[in-house]
C-alpha atoms as a PDB file:
ATOM      1  CA  GLN A   1      -5.088  -1.946  19.469  1.00  0.00           C
ATOM      2  CA  VAL A   2      -4.294  -2.049  15.755  1.00  0.00           C
ATOM      3  CA  GLN A   3      -1.888   0.596  14.504  1.00  0.00           C
ATOM      4  CA  LEU A   4      -0.592   1.029  10.960  1.00  0.00           C
ATOM      5  CA  LYS A   5       2.139   3.477  10.008  1.00  0.00           C
ATOM      6  CA  GLU A   6       3.084   4.124   6.386  1.00  0.00           C
ATOM      7  CA  SER A   7       6.400   5.525   5.178  1.00  0.00           C
ATOM      8  CA  GLY A   8       8.465   5.761   2.008  1.00  0.00           C
ATOM      9  CA  GLY A   9       6.500   8.300  -0.004  1.00  0.00           C
ATOM     10  CA  GLY A  10       8.064  11.239  -1.777  1.00  0.00           C
ATOM     11  CA  LEU A  11       8.570  13.093  -5.037  1.00  0.00           C
ATOM     12  CA  VAL A  12       9.710  11.025  -8.012  1.00  0.00           C
ATOM     13  CA  GLN A  13       9.984  11.614 -11.744  1.00  0.00           C
ATOM     14  CA  PRO A  14       7.829   9.685 -14.214  1.00  0.00           C
ATOM     15  CA  GLY A  15       9.372   6.288 -14.821  1.00  0.00           C
ATOM     16  CA  GLY A  16      10.931   6.220 -11.367  1.00  0.00           C
ATOM     17  CA  SER A  17      10.407   3.848  -8.448  1.00  0.00           C
ATOM     18  CA  LEU A  18       9.432   4.006  -4.799  1.00  0.00           C
ATOM     19  CA  LYS A  19       8.931   1.403  -2.103  1.00  0.00           C
ATOM     20  CA  LEU A  20       6.278   2.077   0.503  1.00  0.00           C
ATOM     21  CA  SER A  21       6.279   0.406   3.912  1.00  0.00           C
ATOM     22  CA  CYS A  22       3.519  -0.115   6.454  1.00  0.00           C
ATOM     23  CA  ALA A  23       4.649  -1.052   9.959  1.00  0.00           C
ATOM     24  CA  ALA A  24       1.873  -2.862  11.811  1.00  0.00           C
ATOM     25  CA  SER A  25       1.207  -3.478  15.497  1.00  0.00           C
ATOM     26  CA  GLY A  26      -1.719  -5.198  17.180  1.00  0.00           C
ATOM     27  CA  VAL A  27      -2.217  -7.421  14.137  1.00  0.00           C
ATOM     28  CA  THR A  28      -0.085 -10.064  12.433  1.00  0.00           C
ATOM     29  CA  VAL A  29       0.554  -9.055   8.852  1.00  0.00           C
ATOM     30  CA  VAL A  30       1.243 -12.544   7.509  1.00  0.00           C
ATOM     31  CA  SER A  31      -2.088 -13.922   8.752  1.00  0.00           C
ATOM     32  CA  SER A  32      -4.329 -10.981   7.797  1.00  0.00           C
ATOM     33  CA  HIS A  33      -5.969  -9.501   4.713  1.00  0.00           C
ATOM     34  CA  MET A  34      -3.755  -6.499   4.019  1.00  0.00           C
ATOM     35  CA  SER A  35      -4.300  -3.869   1.335  1.00  0.00           C
ATOM     36  CA  TRP A  36      -3.006  -0.643  -0.133  1.00  0.00           C
ATOM     37  CA  PHE A  37      -5.393   2.117  -1.198  1.00  0.00           C
ATOM     38  CA  ARG A  38      -4.705   5.559  -2.622  1.00  0.00           C
ATOM     39  CA  GLN A  39      -6.524   8.855  -2.897  1.00  0.00           C
ATOM     40  CA  ALA A  40      -5.749  11.499  -5.476  1.00  0.00           C
ATOM     41  CA  PRO A  41      -6.738  15.139  -4.872  1.00  0.00           C
ATOM     42  CA  GLY A  42     -10.447  15.616  -5.512  1.00  0.00           C
ATOM     43  CA  LYS A  43     -11.052  11.897  -6.026  1.00  0.00           C
ATOM     44  CA  GLU A  44     -12.377   9.049  -3.936  1.00  0.00           C
ATOM     45  CA  ARG A  45     -10.073   6.580  -2.253  1.00  0.00           C
ATOM     46  CA  GLU A  46      -9.426   3.603  -4.519  1.00  0.00           C
ATOM     47  CA  PHE A  47      -8.130   0.080  -4.059  1.00  0.00           C
ATOM     48  CA  VAL A  48      -4.591  -0.544  -5.315  1.00  0.00           C
ATOM     49  CA  ALA A  49      -3.424  -3.983  -4.142  1.00  0.00           C
ATOM     50  CA  ARG A  50      -4.259  -6.761  -1.693  1.00  0.00           C
ATOM     51  CA  ILE A  51      -2.466  -9.724  -0.203  1.00  0.00           C
ATOM     52  CA  GLY A  52      -4.255 -12.524   1.572  1.00  0.00           C
ATOM     53  CA  PRO A  53      -3.250 -14.405   4.680  1.00  0.00           C
ATOM     54  CA  GLY A  54      -0.609 -17.096   4.311  1.00  0.00           C
ATOM     55  CA  GLY A  55      -0.240 -18.111   0.679  1.00  0.00           C
ATOM     56  CA  SER A  56      -3.683 -17.054  -0.531  1.00  0.00           C
ATOM     57  CA  GLY A  57      -2.373 -14.757  -3.266  1.00  0.00           C
ATOM     58  CA  THR A  58      -2.436 -11.145  -4.394  1.00  0.00           C
ATOM     59  CA  SER A  59      -4.662  -8.901  -6.492  1.00  0.00           C
ATOM     60  CA  TYR A  60      -4.194  -5.503  -8.128  1.00  0.00           C
ATOM     61  CA  VAL A  61      -6.203  -2.792  -9.768  1.00  0.00           C
ATOM     62  CA  ASP A  62      -5.717  -3.045 -13.538  1.00  0.00           C
ATOM     63  CA  SER A  63      -3.909   0.291 -13.799  1.00  0.00           C
ATOM     64  CA  VAL A  64      -0.943  -0.917 -11.684  1.00  0.00           C
ATOM     65  CA  LYS A  65      -0.619  -4.534 -12.840  1.00  0.00           C
ATOM     66  CA  GLY A  66       2.917  -5.289 -13.933  1.00  0.00           C
ATOM     67  CA  ARG A  67       4.249  -2.143 -12.244  1.00  0.00           C
ATOM     68  CA  PHE A  68       3.419  -2.564  -8.530  1.00  0.00           C
ATOM     69  CA  THR A  69       4.158  -5.498  -6.238  1.00  0.00           C
ATOM     70  CA  ILE A  70       2.652  -6.027  -2.786  1.00  0.00           C
ATOM     71  CA  SER A  71       4.620  -8.107  -0.303  1.00  0.00           C
ATOM     72  CA  ARG A  72       5.216  -8.504   3.429  1.00  0.00           C
ATOM     73  CA  SER A  73       7.971  -9.181   5.901  1.00  0.00           C
ATOM     74  CA  TYR A  74       7.425 -12.112   8.214  1.00  0.00           C
ATOM     75  CA  ALA A  75      10.078 -10.996  10.654  1.00  0.00           C
ATOM     76  CA  GLY A  76       9.288  -7.271  10.762  1.00  0.00           C
ATOM     77  CA  ASN A  77       5.482  -7.483  10.613  1.00  0.00           C
ATOM     78  CA  THR A  78       5.587  -4.990   7.749  1.00  0.00           C
ATOM     79  CA  LEU A  79       3.618  -4.640   4.531  1.00  0.00           C
ATOM     80  CA  TYR A  80       5.308  -3.264   1.402  1.00  0.00           C
ATOM     81  CA  LEU A  81       4.345  -1.819  -1.945  1.00  0.00           C
ATOM     82  CA  GLN A  82       7.099  -1.733  -4.552  1.00  0.00           C
ATOM     83  CA  MET A  83       6.134   0.751  -7.245  1.00  0.00           C
ATOM     84  CA  SER A  84       7.995   0.921 -10.547  1.00  0.00           C
ATOM     85  CA  ASN A  85       7.578   2.811 -13.811  1.00  0.00           C
ATOM     86  CA  LEU A  86       5.553   5.414 -11.949  1.00  0.00           C
ATOM     87  CA  GLU A  87       3.167   7.666 -13.849  1.00  0.00           C
ATOM     88  CA  PRO A  88       1.724  11.083 -12.929  1.00  0.00           C
ATOM     89  CA  GLU A  89      -1.639   9.344 -12.496  1.00  0.00           C
ATOM     90  CA  ASP A  90      -0.136   7.427  -9.552  1.00  0.00           C
ATOM     91  CA  THR A  91       0.087  10.649  -7.557  1.00  0.00           C
ATOM     92  CA  GLY A  92      -1.857  10.579  -4.307  1.00  0.00           C
ATOM     93  CA  THR A  93      -1.860   9.666  -0.660  1.00  0.00           C
ATOM     94  CA  TYR A  94      -1.273   5.952  -0.150  1.00  0.00           C
ATOM     95  CA  TYR A  95      -2.925   4.192   2.769  1.00  0.00           C
ATOM     96  CA  CYS A  96      -2.321   0.828   4.386  1.00  0.00           C
ATOM     97  CA  ASN A  97      -5.432  -1.114   5.377  1.00  0.00           C
ATOM     98  CA  VAL A  98      -6.258  -4.256   7.323  1.00  0.00           C
ATOM     99  CA  PHE A  99      -9.609  -5.937   7.910  1.00  0.00           C
ATOM    100  CA  TYR A 100      -9.343  -7.406  11.387  1.00  0.00           C
ATOM    101  CA  ARG A 101     -12.012  -8.740  13.741  1.00  0.00           C
ATOM    102  CA  GLY A 102     -14.819  -7.196  11.709  1.00  0.00           C
ATOM    103  CA  HIS A 103     -13.337  -3.719  11.392  1.00  0.00           C
ATOM    104  CA  GLN A 104     -11.365  -1.779   8.822  1.00  0.00           C
ATOM    105  CA  HIS A 105      -8.199  -0.160  10.146  1.00  0.00           C
ATOM    106  CA  TRP A 106      -6.242   2.553   8.328  1.00  0.00           C
ATOM    107  CA  GLY A 107      -2.886   4.225   8.619  1.00  0.00           C
ATOM    108  CA  GLN A 108      -2.376   7.976   8.339  1.00  0.00           C
ATOM    109  CA  GLY A 109      -1.096   7.742   4.762  1.00  0.00           C
ATOM    110  CA  THR A 110       2.072   8.672   2.907  1.00  0.00           C
ATOM    111  CA  GLN A 111       2.184  11.122   0.001  1.00  0.00           C
ATOM    112  CA  VAL A 112       3.453  10.042  -3.411  1.00  0.00           C
ATOM    113  CA  THR A 113       3.973  12.693  -6.075  1.00  0.00           C
ATOM    114  CA  VAL A 114       5.017  11.743  -9.603  1.00  0.00           C
ATOM    115  CA  SER A 115       6.092  14.803 -11.527  1.00  0.00           C
ATOM    116  CA  SER A 116       8.882  16.071 -13.725  1.00  0.00           C
END
């Protein structure tokens, strides 16, 4: 059974930083397609960042390029999203996602609020 649990969200001022974590079980993070999505109030869920299995690279939505970095821990089976220079438009619930054995799996989300 795949389980994903996000943490690390909170309230931060514009220009600040946060690091989100996604602890995974039932799936091996380093050998899976792992992603971060976010959903702002009243908007659809949108793709933020993806990391492929092994050394197959990363991709980002244009609005976060140069500010966000997706990475993973081999030892802890954890996915991360380092977010810097945060903007109010980054506010939303951030979700961890894995595509595994033909199915999408989601965590419960962690709230990020960027406000002064």
